Amino acid sequence: MLADGSSSTDSRAYLMRLVRGVEPWDDTEAGQQAEVLSWISSGAPLYRTRKPDVPDPHLVSYFVARNRGGELLLVAHRKAGLWLPSGGHVEPGEDPLGHRGP
């Protein structure tokens, strides 16, 4: 069950509401938001079916923590070799808002 009480069968509509609820900071982010909304509504698979990254793209959820000085908390993703916000892959039926890190 997702945070809004819906089932996984309603997950695309729920995800669309979450993404639409994010106010883009700039034109680049607005374009990325439009791409994500198009992907979710396309009917393409949303969830990872095979590690590490099949299908591409697949749903992940991050939690961005920022202090008053504007610094971001990032963690080292060993496999990707990147510094990323805390978060991870979202499984079918899992609420992206409930998955904010290890």
PDB file of N, CA and C in Angstrom:
ATOM      1  N   MET A   1       0.847  -1.181   0.000  1.00  0.00           N
ATOM      2  CA  MET A   1       0.000   0.000   0.000  1.00  0.00           C
ATOM      3  C   MET A   1       0.887   1.236   0.000  1.00  0.00           C
ATOM      4  N   LEU A   2       0.515   2.202  -0.805  1.00  0.00           N
ATOM      5  CA  LEU A   2       1.277   3.431  -0.918  1.00  0.00           C
ATOM      6  C   LEU A   2       0.793   4.452   0.103  1.00  0.00           C
ATOM      7  N   ALA A   3       1.566   5.524   0.269  1.00  0.00           N
ATOM      8  CA  ALA A   3       1.287   6.510   1.312  1.00  0.00           C
ATOM      9  C   ALA A   3      -0.099   7.133   1.190  1.00  0.00           C
ATOM     10  N   ASP A   4      -0.616   7.231  -0.026  1.00  0.00           N
ATOM     11  CA  ASP A   4      -1.932   7.849  -0.191  1.00  0.00           C
ATOM     12  C   ASP A   4      -3.062   6.838  -0.087  1.00  0.00           C
ATOM     13  N   GLY A   5      -2.734   5.580   0.296  1.00  0.00           N
ATOM     14  CA  GLY A   5      -3.747   4.548   0.464  1.00  0.00           C
ATOM     15  C   GLY A   5      -4.054   3.773  -0.793  1.00  0.00           C
ATOM     16  N   SER A   6      -3.418   4.097  -1.907  1.00  0.00           N
ATOM     17  CA  SER A   6      -3.695   3.403  -3.159  1.00  0.00           C
ATOM     18  C   SER A   6      -2.912   2.102  -3.234  1.00  0.00           C
ATOM     19  N   SER A   7      -3.333   1.228  -4.133  1.00  0.00           N
ATOM     20  CA  SER A   7      -2.632  -0.032  -4.345  1.00  0.00           C
ATOM     21  C   SER A   7      -1.588   0.142  -5.428  1.00  0.00           C
ATOM     22  N   SER A   8      -0.770  -0.877  -5.625  1.00  0.00           N
ATOM     23  CA  SER A   8       0.262  -0.789  -6.653  1.00  0.00           C
ATOM     24  C   SER A   8      -0.339  -0.638  -8.046  1.00  0.00           C
ATOM     25  N   THR A   9      -1.607  -1.069  -8.233  1.00  0.00           N
ATOM     26  CA  THR A   9      -2.237  -0.901  -9.544  1.00  0.00           C
ATOM     27  C   THR A   9      -2.480   0.571  -9.862  1.00  0.00           C
ATOM     28  N   ASP A  10      -2.513   1.401  -8.830  1.00  0.00           N
ATOM     29  CA  ASP A  10      -2.688   2.843  -9.014  1.00  0.00           C
ATOM     30  C   ASP A  10      -1.352   3.573  -8.977  1.00  0.00           C
ATOM     31  N   SER A  11      -0.239   2.833  -9.003  1.00  0.00           N
ATOM     32  CA  SER A  11       1.063   3.446  -8.750  1.00  0.00           C
ATOM     33  C   SER A  11       1.454   4.481  -9.798  1.00  0.00           C
ATOM     34  N   ARG A  12       1.093   4.286 -11.060  1.00  0.00           N
ATOM     35  CA  ARG A  12       1.458   5.285 -12.075  1.00  0.00           C
ATOM     36  C   ARG A  12       0.776   6.624 -11.784  1.00  0.00           C
ATOM     37  N   ALA A  13      -0.497   6.604 -11.435  1.00  0.00           N
ATOM     38  CA  ALA A  13      -1.204   7.849 -11.119  1.00  0.00           C
ATOM     39  C   ALA A  13      -0.594   8.498  -9.880  1.00  0.00           C
ATOM     40  N   TYR A  14      -0.244   7.695  -8.892  1.00  0.00           N
ATOM     41  CA  TYR A  14       0.375   8.203  -7.669  1.00  0.00           C
ATOM     42  C   TYR A  14       1.731   8.845  -7.987  1.00  0.00           C
ATOM     43  N   LEU A  15       2.533   8.151  -8.795  1.00  0.00           N
ATOM     44  CA  LEU A  15       3.837   8.691  -9.171  1.00  0.00           C
ATOM     45  C   LEU A  15       3.695   9.994  -9.951  1.00  0.00           C
ATOM     46  N   MET A  16       2.710  10.048 -10.830  1.00  0.00           N
ATOM     47  CA  MET A  16       2.466  11.274 -11.593  1.00  0.00           C
ATOM     48  C   MET A  16       2.153  12.433 -10.636  1.00  0.00           C
ATOM     49  N   ARG A  17       1.320  12.171  -9.622  1.00  0.00           N
ATOM     50  CA  ARG A  17       0.992  13.223  -8.644  1.00  0.00           C
ATOM     51  C   ARG A  17       2.244  13.675  -7.887  1.00  0.00           C
ATOM     52  N   LEU A  18       3.094  12.726  -7.490  1.00  0.00           N
ATOM     53  CA  LEU A  18       4.323  13.083  -6.778  1.00  0.00           C
ATOM     54  C   LEU A  18       5.225  13.955  -7.640  1.00  0.00           C
ATOM     55  N   VAL A  19       5.423  13.551  -8.886  1.00  0.00           N
ATOM     56  CA  VAL A  19       6.319  14.301  -9.778  1.00  0.00           C
ATOM     57  C   VAL A  19       5.748  15.684 -10.070  1.00  0.00           C
ATOM     58  N   ARG A  20       4.444  15.764 -10.289  1.00  0.00           N
ATOM     59  CA  ARG A  20       3.819  17.067 -10.539  1.00  0.00           C
ATOM     60  C   ARG A  20       3.895  17.977  -9.314  1.00  0.00           C
ATOM     61  N   GLY A  21       4.030  17.378  -8.135  1.00  0.00           N
ATOM     62  CA  GLY A  21       4.116  18.155  -6.897  1.00  0.00           C
ATOM     63  C   GLY A  21       5.471  18.800  -6.662  1.00  0.00           C
ATOM     64  N   VAL A  22       6.446  18.480  -7.504  1.00  0.00           N
ATOM     65  CA  VAL A  22       7.782  19.080  -7.385  1.00  0.00           C
ATOM     66  C   VAL A  22       7.841  20.331  -8.243  1.00  0.00           C
ATOM     67  N   GLU A  23       8.174  21.446  -7.628  1.00  0.00           N
ATOM     68  CA  GLU A  23       8.292  22.696  -8.384  1.00  0.00           C
ATOM     69  C   GLU A  23       9.701  22.792  -8.965  1.00  0.00           C
ATOM     70  N   PRO A  24       9.820  22.774 -10.291  1.00  0.00           N
ATOM     71  CA  PRO A  24      11.153  22.864 -10.914  1.00  0.00           C
ATOM     72  C   PRO A  24      11.862  24.167 -10.541  1.00  0.00           C
ATOM     73  N   TRP A  25      13.183  24.068 -10.343  1.00  0.00           N
ATOM     74  CA  TRP A  25      13.990  25.236 -10.007  1.00  0.00           C
ATOM     75  C   TRP A  25      14.343  26.060 -11.234  1.00  0.00           C
ATOM     76  N   ASP A  26      14.433  25.396 -12.399  1.00  0.00           N
ATOM     77  CA  ASP A  26      14.849  26.102 -13.602  1.00  0.00           C
ATOM     78  C   ASP A  26      14.307  25.372 -14.832  1.00  0.00           C
ATOM     79  N   ASP A  27      14.631  25.887 -16.013  1.00  0.00           N
ATOM     80  CA  ASP A  27      14.131  25.301 -17.253  1.00  0.00           C
ATOM     81  C   ASP A  27      14.657  23.886 -17.471  1.00  0.00           C
ATOM     82  N   THR A  28      15.896  23.619 -17.070  1.00  0.00           N
ATOM     83  CA  THR A  28      16.460  22.274 -17.217  1.00  0.00           C
ATOM     84  C   THR A  28      15.656  21.275 -16.398  1.00  0.00           C
ATOM     85  N   GLU A  29      15.387  21.618 -15.145  1.00  0.00           N
ATOM     86  CA  GLU A  29      14.616  20.722 -14.294  1.00  0.00           C
ATOM     87  C   GLU A  29      13.182  20.584 -14.793  1.00  0.00           C
ATOM     88  N   ALA A  30      12.607  21.630 -15.333  1.00  0.00           N
ATOM     89  CA  ALA A  30      11.254  21.553 -15.893  1.00  0.00           C
ATOM     90  C   ALA A  30      11.230  20.575 -17.069  1.00  0.00           C
ATOM     91  N   GLY A  31      12.265  20.618 -17.910  1.00  0.00           N
ATOM     92  CA  GLY A  31      12.359  19.676 -19.019  1.00  0.00           C
ATOM     93  C   GLY A  31      12.521  18.245 -18.549  1.00  0.00           C
ATOM     94  N   GLN A  32      13.333  18.045 -17.504  1.00  0.00           N
ATOM     95  CA  GLN A  32      13.513  16.703 -16.945  1.00  0.00           C
ATOM     96  C   GLN A  32      12.218  16.194 -16.327  1.00  0.00           C
ATOM     97  N   GLN A  33      11.485  17.074 -15.674  1.00  0.00           N
ATOM     98  CA  GLN A  33      10.208  16.693 -15.095  1.00  0.00           C
ATOM     99  C   GLN A  33       9.240  16.241 -16.192  1.00  0.00           C
ATOM    100  N   ALA A  34       9.214  16.969 -17.297  1.00  0.00           N
ATOM    101  CA  ALA A  34       8.341  16.602 -18.423  1.00  0.00           C
ATOM    102  C   ALA A  34       8.732  15.230 -18.985  1.00  0.00           C
ATOM    103  N   GLU A  35      10.037  14.974 -19.073  1.00  0.00           N
ATOM    104  CA  GLU A  35      10.500  13.669 -19.555  1.00  0.00           C
ATOM    105  C   GLU A  35      10.063  12.549 -18.623  1.00  0.00           C
ATOM    106  N   VAL A  36      10.171  12.765 -17.325  1.00  0.00           N
ATOM    107  CA  VAL A  36       9.768  11.746 -16.348  1.00  0.00           C
ATOM    108  C   VAL A  36       8.265  11.491 -16.436  1.00  0.00           C
ATOM    109  N   LEU A  37       7.482  12.548 -16.531  1.00  0.00           N
ATOM    110  CA  LEU A  37       6.035  12.378 -16.646  1.00  0.00           C
ATOM    111  C   LEU A  37       5.669  11.614 -17.917  1.00  0.00           C
ATOM    112  N   SER A  38       6.354  11.897 -19.001  1.00  0.00           N
ATOM    113  CA  SER A  38       6.120  11.186 -20.256  1.00  0.00           C
ATOM    114  C   SER A  38       6.474   9.708 -20.108  1.00  0.00           C
ATOM    115  N   TRP A  39       7.594   9.415 -19.448  1.00  0.00           N
ATOM    116  CA  TRP A  39       8.031   8.029 -19.230  1.00  0.00           C
ATOM    117  C   TRP A  39       7.019   7.267 -18.385  1.00  0.00           C
ATOM    118  N   ILE A  40       6.572   7.873 -17.283  1.00  0.00           N
ATOM    119  CA  ILE A  40       5.615   7.196 -16.404  1.00  0.00           C
ATOM    120  C   ILE A  40       4.316   6.909 -17.157  1.00  0.00           C
ATOM    121  N   SER A  41       3.834   7.871 -17.933  1.00  0.00           N
ATOM    122  CA  SER A  41       2.557   7.700 -18.628  1.00  0.00           C
ATOM    123  C   SER A  41       2.665   6.818 -19.871  1.00  0.00           C
ATOM    124  N   SER A  42       3.891   6.512 -20.300  1.00  0.00           N
ATOM    125  CA  SER A  42       4.078   5.735 -21.533  1.00  0.00           C
ATOM    126  C   SER A  42       3.699   4.261 -21.410  1.00  0.00           C
ATOM    127  N   GLY A  43       3.617   3.765 -20.189  1.00  0.00           N
ATOM    128  CA  GLY A  43       3.358   2.337 -19.994  1.00  0.00           C
ATOM    129  C   GLY A  43       4.632   1.505 -19.960  1.00  0.00           C
ATOM    130  N   ALA A  44       5.794   2.146 -20.126  1.00  0.00           N
ATOM    131  CA  ALA A  44       7.072   1.433 -20.062  1.00  0.00           C
ATOM    132  C   ALA A  44       7.275   0.880 -18.653  1.00  0.00           C
ATOM    133  N   PRO A  45       8.069  -0.181 -18.519  1.00  0.00           N
ATOM    134  CA  PRO A  45       8.344  -0.713 -17.172  1.00  0.00           C
ATOM    135  C   PRO A  45       8.946   0.369 -16.281  1.00  0.00           C
ATOM    136  N   LEU A  46       8.511   0.406 -15.018  1.00  0.00           N
ATOM    137  CA  LEU A  46       8.997   1.401 -14.076  1.00  0.00           C
ATOM    138  C   LEU A  46      10.047   0.852 -13.124  1.00  0.00           C
ATOM    139  N   TYR A  47       9.964  -0.434 -12.821  1.00  0.00           N
ATOM    140  CA  TYR A  47      10.780  -1.015 -11.770  1.00  0.00           C
ATOM    141  C   TYR A  47      11.909  -1.862 -12.337  1.00  0.00           C
ATOM    142  N   ARG A  48      13.022  -1.882 -11.626  1.00  0.00           N
ATOM    143  CA  ARG A  48      14.173  -2.674 -12.038  1.00  0.00           C
ATOM    144  C   ARG A  48      13.804  -4.154 -12.022  1.00  0.00           C
ATOM    145  N   THR A  49      14.115  -4.838 -13.107  1.00  0.00           N
ATOM    146  CA  THR A  49      13.826  -6.270 -13.216  1.00  0.00           C
ATOM    147  C   THR A  49      15.090  -7.120 -13.139  1.00  0.00           C
ATOM    148  N   ARG A  50      16.239  -6.484 -13.404  1.00  0.00           N
ATOM    149  CA  ARG A  50      17.503  -7.213 -13.327  1.00  0.00           C
ATOM    150  C   ARG A  50      18.603  -6.236 -12.934  1.00  0.00           C
ATOM    151  N   LYS A  51      19.411  -6.651 -11.957  1.00  0.00           N
ATOM    152  CA  LYS A  51      20.535  -5.826 -11.524  1.00  0.00           C
ATOM    153  C   LYS A  51      21.591  -5.800 -12.611  1.00  0.00           C
ATOM    154  N   PRO A  52      22.306  -4.717 -12.789  1.00  0.00           N
ATOM    155  CA  PRO A  52      22.230  -3.512 -11.969  1.00  0.00           C
ATOM    156  C   PRO A  52      21.261  -2.465 -12.490  1.00  0.00           C
ATOM    157  N   ASP A  53      20.881  -2.531 -13.801  1.00  0.00           N
ATOM    158  CA  ASP A  53      20.160  -1.366 -14.344  1.00  0.00           C
ATOM    159  C   ASP A  53      19.189  -1.706 -15.476  1.00  0.00           C
ATOM    160  N   VAL A  54      18.490  -2.819 -15.372  1.00  0.00           N
ATOM    161  CA  VAL A  54      17.525  -3.211 -16.413  1.00  0.00           C
ATOM    162  C   VAL A  54      16.130  -3.138 -15.816  1.00  0.00           C
ATOM    163  N   PRO A  55      15.207  -2.444 -16.465  1.00  0.00           N
ATOM    164  CA  PRO A  55      15.335  -1.661 -17.689  1.00  0.00           C
ATOM    165  C   PRO A  55      15.980  -0.302 -17.402  1.00  0.00           C
ATOM    166  N   ASP A  56      16.401   0.339 -18.445  1.00  0.00           N
ATOM    167  CA  ASP A  56      16.957   1.673 -18.341  1.00  0.00           C
ATOM    168  C   ASP A  56      16.006   2.621 -19.070  1.00  0.00           C
ATOM    169  N   PRO A  57      15.338   3.513 -18.402  1.00  0.00           N
ATOM    170  CA  PRO A  57      15.452   3.873 -16.996  1.00  0.00           C
ATOM    171  C   PRO A  57      14.579   2.988 -16.106  1.00  0.00           C
ATOM    172  N   HIS A  58      14.782   3.112 -14.800  1.00  0.00           N
ATOM    173  CA  HIS A  58      13.928   2.476 -13.804  1.00  0.00           C
ATOM    174  C   HIS A  58      13.825   3.407 -12.597  1.00  0.00           C
ATOM    175  N   LEU A  59      12.832   3.140 -11.762  1.00  0.00           N
ATOM    176  CA  LEU A  59      12.474   4.054 -10.677  1.00  0.00           C
ATOM    177  C   LEU A  59      13.444   3.967  -9.505  1.00  0.00           C
ATOM    178  N   VAL A  60      13.948   5.125  -9.102  1.00  0.00           N
ATOM    179  CA  VAL A  60      14.748   5.261  -7.883  1.00  0.00           C
ATOM    180  C   VAL A  60      14.181   6.441  -7.098  1.00  0.00           C
ATOM    181  N   SER A  61      14.485   6.467  -5.824  1.00  0.00           N
ATOM    182  CA  SER A  61      14.007   7.546  -4.971  1.00  0.00           C
ATOM    183  C   SER A  61      15.169   8.039  -4.129  1.00  0.00           C
ATOM    184  N   TYR A  62      15.336   9.357  -4.054  1.00  0.00           N
ATOM    185  CA  TYR A  62      16.408   9.963  -3.273  1.00  0.00           C
ATOM    186  C   TYR A  62      15.841  10.920  -2.248  1.00  0.00           C
ATOM    187  N   PHE A  63      16.567  11.081  -1.163  1.00  0.00           N
ATOM    188  CA  PHE A  63      16.249  12.063  -0.136  1.00  0.00           C
ATOM    189  C   PHE A  63      17.393  13.057  -0.116  1.00  0.00           C
ATOM    190  N   VAL A  64      17.086  14.315  -0.357  1.00  0.00           N
ATOM    191  CA  VAL A  64      18.117  15.341  -0.399  1.00  0.00           C
ATOM    192  C   VAL A  64      18.103  16.102   0.925  1.00  0.00           C
ATOM    193  N   ALA A  65      19.226  16.015   1.640  1.00  0.00           N
ATOM    194  CA  ALA A  65      19.376  16.726   2.909  1.00  0.00           C
ATOM    195  C   ALA A  65      20.345  17.881   2.703  1.00  0.00           C
ATOM    196  N   ARG A  66      19.913  19.070   3.126  1.00  0.00           N
ATOM    197  CA  ARG A  66      20.727  20.275   2.971  1.00  0.00           C
ATOM    198  C   ARG A  66      20.725  21.037   4.282  1.00  0.00           C
ATOM    199  N   ASN A  67      21.892  21.492   4.695  1.00  0.00           N
ATOM    200  CA  ASN A  67      21.947  22.263   5.930  1.00  0.00           C
ATOM    201  C   ASN A  67      21.681  23.745   5.643  1.00  0.00           C
ATOM    202  N   ARG A  68      21.671  24.544   6.690  1.00  0.00           N
ATOM    203  CA  ARG A  68      21.360  25.976   6.524  1.00  0.00           C
ATOM    204  C   ARG A  68      22.391  26.699   5.672  1.00  0.00           C
ATOM    205  N   GLY A  69      23.599  26.137   5.605  1.00  0.00           N
ATOM    206  CA  GLY A  69      24.649  26.739   4.794  1.00  0.00           C
ATOM    207  C   GLY A  69      24.560  26.357   3.328  1.00  0.00           C
ATOM    208  N   GLY A  70      23.575  25.511   2.976  1.00  0.00           N
ATOM    209  CA  GLY A  70      23.387  25.122   1.591  1.00  0.00           C
ATOM    210  C   GLY A  70      24.174  23.894   1.172  1.00  0.00           C
ATOM    211  N   GLU A  71      24.905  23.294   2.112  1.00  0.00           N
ATOM    212  CA  GLU A  71      25.664  22.090   1.778  1.00  0.00           C
ATOM    213  C   GLU A  71      24.729  20.887   1.697  1.00  0.00           C
ATOM    214  N   LEU A  72      24.998  19.995   0.722  1.00  0.00           N
ATOM    215  CA  LEU A  72      24.196  18.784   0.536  1.00  0.00           C
ATOM    216  C   LEU A  72      24.886  17.589   1.148  1.00  0.00           C
ATOM    217  N   LEU A  73      24.099  16.678   1.711  1.00  0.00           N
ATOM    218  CA  LEU A  73      24.631  15.408   2.198  1.00  0.00           C
ATOM    219  C   LEU A  73      24.623  14.417   1.036  1.00  0.00           C
ATOM    220  N   LEU A  74      25.792  13.924   0.677  1.00  0.00           N
ATOM    221  CA  LEU A  74      25.920  12.928  -0.384  1.00  0.00           C
ATOM    222  C   LEU A  74      26.622  11.697   0.174  1.00  0.00           C
ATOM    223  N   VAL A  75      26.300  10.545  -0.406  1.00  0.00           N
ATOM    224  CA  VAL A  75      26.940   9.294   0.002  1.00  0.00           C
ATOM    225  C   VAL A  75      27.637   8.683  -1.199  1.00  0.00           C
ATOM    226  N   ALA A  76      28.692   7.945  -0.935  1.00  0.00           N
ATOM    227  CA  ALA A  76      29.451   7.307  -2.013  1.00  0.00           C
ATOM    228  C   ALA A  76      28.713   6.054  -2.480  1.00  0.00           C
ATOM    229  N   HIS A  77      28.350   6.019  -3.751  1.00  0.00           N
ATOM    230  CA  HIS A  77      27.749   4.829  -4.354  1.00  0.00           C
ATOM    231  C   HIS A  77      28.912   4.024  -4.930  1.00  0.00           C
ATOM    232  N   ARG A  78      29.259   2.952  -4.224  1.00  0.00           N
ATOM    233  CA  ARG A  78      30.460   2.193  -4.589  1.00  0.00           C
ATOM    234  C   ARG A  78      30.404   1.636  -5.996  1.00  0.00           C
ATOM    235  N   LYS A  79      29.274   1.043  -6.364  1.00  0.00           N
ATOM    236  CA  LYS A  79      29.188   0.403  -7.681  1.00  0.00           C
ATOM    237  C   LYS A  79      29.176   1.411  -8.816  1.00  0.00           C
ATOM    238  N   ALA A  80      28.493   2.534  -8.630  1.00  0.00           N
ATOM    239  CA  ALA A  80      28.414   3.546  -9.684  1.00  0.00           C
ATOM    240  C   ALA A  80      29.627   4.460  -9.694  1.00  0.00           C
ATOM    241  N   GLY A  81      30.365   4.498  -8.570  1.00  0.00           N
ATOM    242  CA  GLY A  81      31.500   5.395  -8.489  1.00  0.00           C
ATOM    243  C   GLY A  81      31.093   6.857  -8.463  1.00  0.00           C
ATOM    244  N   LEU A  82      29.906   7.128  -7.908  1.00  0.00           N
ATOM    245  CA  LEU A  82      29.369   8.490  -7.869  1.00  0.00           C
ATOM    246  C   LEU A  82      29.031   8.888  -6.440  1.00  0.00           C
ATOM    247  N   TRP A  83      28.979  10.178  -6.199  1.00  0.00           N
ATOM    248  CA  TRP A  83      28.449  10.719  -4.953  1.00  0.00           C
ATOM    249  C   TRP A  83      27.001  11.116  -5.220  1.00  0.00           C
ATOM    250  N   LEU A  84      26.071  10.526  -4.473  1.00  0.00           N
ATOM    251  CA  LEU A  84      24.637  10.725  -4.707  1.00  0.00           C
ATOM    252  C   LEU A  84      23.920  11.012  -3.399  1.00  0.00           C
ATOM    253  N   PRO A  85      22.718  11.600  -3.473  1.00  0.00           N
ATOM    254  CA  PRO A  85      21.896  11.694  -2.263  1.00  0.00           C
ATOM    255  C   PRO A  85      21.533  10.287  -1.787  1.00  0.00           C
ATOM    256  N   SER A  86      21.170  10.160  -0.529  1.00  0.00           N
ATOM    257  CA  SER A  86      20.750   8.878   0.025  1.00  0.00           C
ATOM    258  C   SER A  86      19.466   8.417  -0.655  1.00  0.00           C
ATOM    259  N   GLY A  87      19.384   7.147  -0.959  1.00  0.00           N
ATOM    260  CA  GLY A  87      18.187   6.605  -1.599  1.00  0.00           C
ATOM    261  C   GLY A  87      18.474   5.275  -2.235  1.00  0.00           C
ATOM    262  N   GLY A  88      17.651   4.897  -3.195  1.00  0.00           N
ATOM    263  CA  GLY A  88      17.878   3.634  -3.872  1.00  0.00           C
ATOM    264  C   GLY A  88      16.737   3.231  -4.770  1.00  0.00           C
ATOM    265  N   HIS A  89      16.821   2.000  -5.248  1.00  0.00           N
ATOM    266  CA  HIS A  89      15.838   1.437  -6.167  1.00  0.00           C
ATOM    267  C   HIS A  89      14.503   1.237  -5.454  1.00  0.00           C
ATOM    268  N   VAL A  90      13.420   1.509  -6.166  1.00  0.00           N
ATOM    269  CA  VAL A  90      12.075   1.322  -5.629  1.00  0.00           C
ATOM    270  C   VAL A  90      11.521   0.030  -6.208  1.00  0.00           C
ATOM    271  N   GLU A  91      11.010  -0.829  -5.347  1.00  0.00           N
ATOM    272  CA  GLU A  91      10.443  -2.113  -5.756  1.00  0.00           C
ATOM    273  C   GLU A  91       8.946  -1.958  -6.042  1.00  0.00           C
ATOM    274  N   PRO A  92       8.360  -2.841  -6.862  1.00  0.00           N
ATOM    275  CA  PRO A  92       6.916  -2.775  -7.134  1.00  0.00           C
ATOM    276  C   PRO A  92       6.111  -2.769  -5.833  1.00  0.00           C
ATOM    277  N   GLY A  93       5.160  -1.845  -5.738  1.00  0.00           N
ATOM    278  CA  GLY A  93       4.309  -1.743  -4.558  1.00  0.00           C
ATOM    279  C   GLY A  93       4.927  -0.952  -3.419  1.00  0.00           C
ATOM    280  N   GLU A  94       6.183  -0.591  -3.528  1.00  0.00           N
ATOM    281  CA  GLU A  94       6.857   0.186  -2.496  1.00  0.00           C
ATOM    282  C   GLU A  94       6.603   1.669  -2.739  1.00  0.00           C
ATOM    283  N   ASP A  95       6.339   2.396  -1.675  1.00  0.00           N
ATOM    284  CA  ASP A  95       6.101   3.828  -1.783  1.00  0.00           C
ATOM    285  C   ASP A  95       7.429   4.556  -1.905  1.00  0.00           C
ATOM    286  N   PRO A  96       7.644   5.328  -2.983  1.00  0.00           N
ATOM    287  CA  PRO A  96       8.905   6.060  -3.128  1.00  0.00           C
ATOM    288  C   PRO A  96       9.178   7.015  -1.968  1.00  0.00           C
ATOM    289  N   LEU A  97       8.128   7.512  -1.327  1.00  0.00           N
ATOM    290  CA  LEU A  97       8.326   8.398  -0.182  1.00  0.00           C
ATOM    291  C   LEU A  97       8.810   7.646   1.047  1.00  0.00           C
ATOM    292  N   GLY A  98       8.547   6.367   1.103  1.00  0.00           N
ATOM    293  CA  GLY A  98       8.984   5.550   2.239  1.00  0.00           C
ATOM    294  C   GLY A  98      10.368   4.985   2.068  1.00  0.00           C
ATOM    295  N   HIS A  99      10.951   5.160   0.891  1.00  0.00           N
ATOM    296  CA  HIS A  99      12.262   4.583   0.582  1.00  0.00           C
ATOM    297  C   HIS A  99      13.266   5.713   0.419  1.00  0.00           C
ATOM    298  N   ARG A 100      13.842   6.116   1.534  1.00  0.00           N
ATOM    299  CA  ARG A 100      14.746   7.272   1.474  1.00  0.00           C
ATOM    300  C   ARG A 100      16.120   6.921   1.977  1.00  0.00           C
ATOM    301  N   GLY A 101      16.542   5.713   1.730  1.00  0.00           N
ATOM    302  CA  GLY A 101      17.903   5.356   2.095  1.00  0.00           C
ATOM    303  C   GLY A 101      17.963   4.091   2.898  1.00  0.00           C
ATOM    304  N   PRO A 102      19.195   3.653   3.181  1.00  0.00           N
ATOM    305  CA  PRO A 102      19.405   2.381   3.873  1.00  0.00           C
ATOM    306  C   PRO A 102      18.905   2.376   5.283  1.00  0.00           C
TER     307      PRO A 102
END
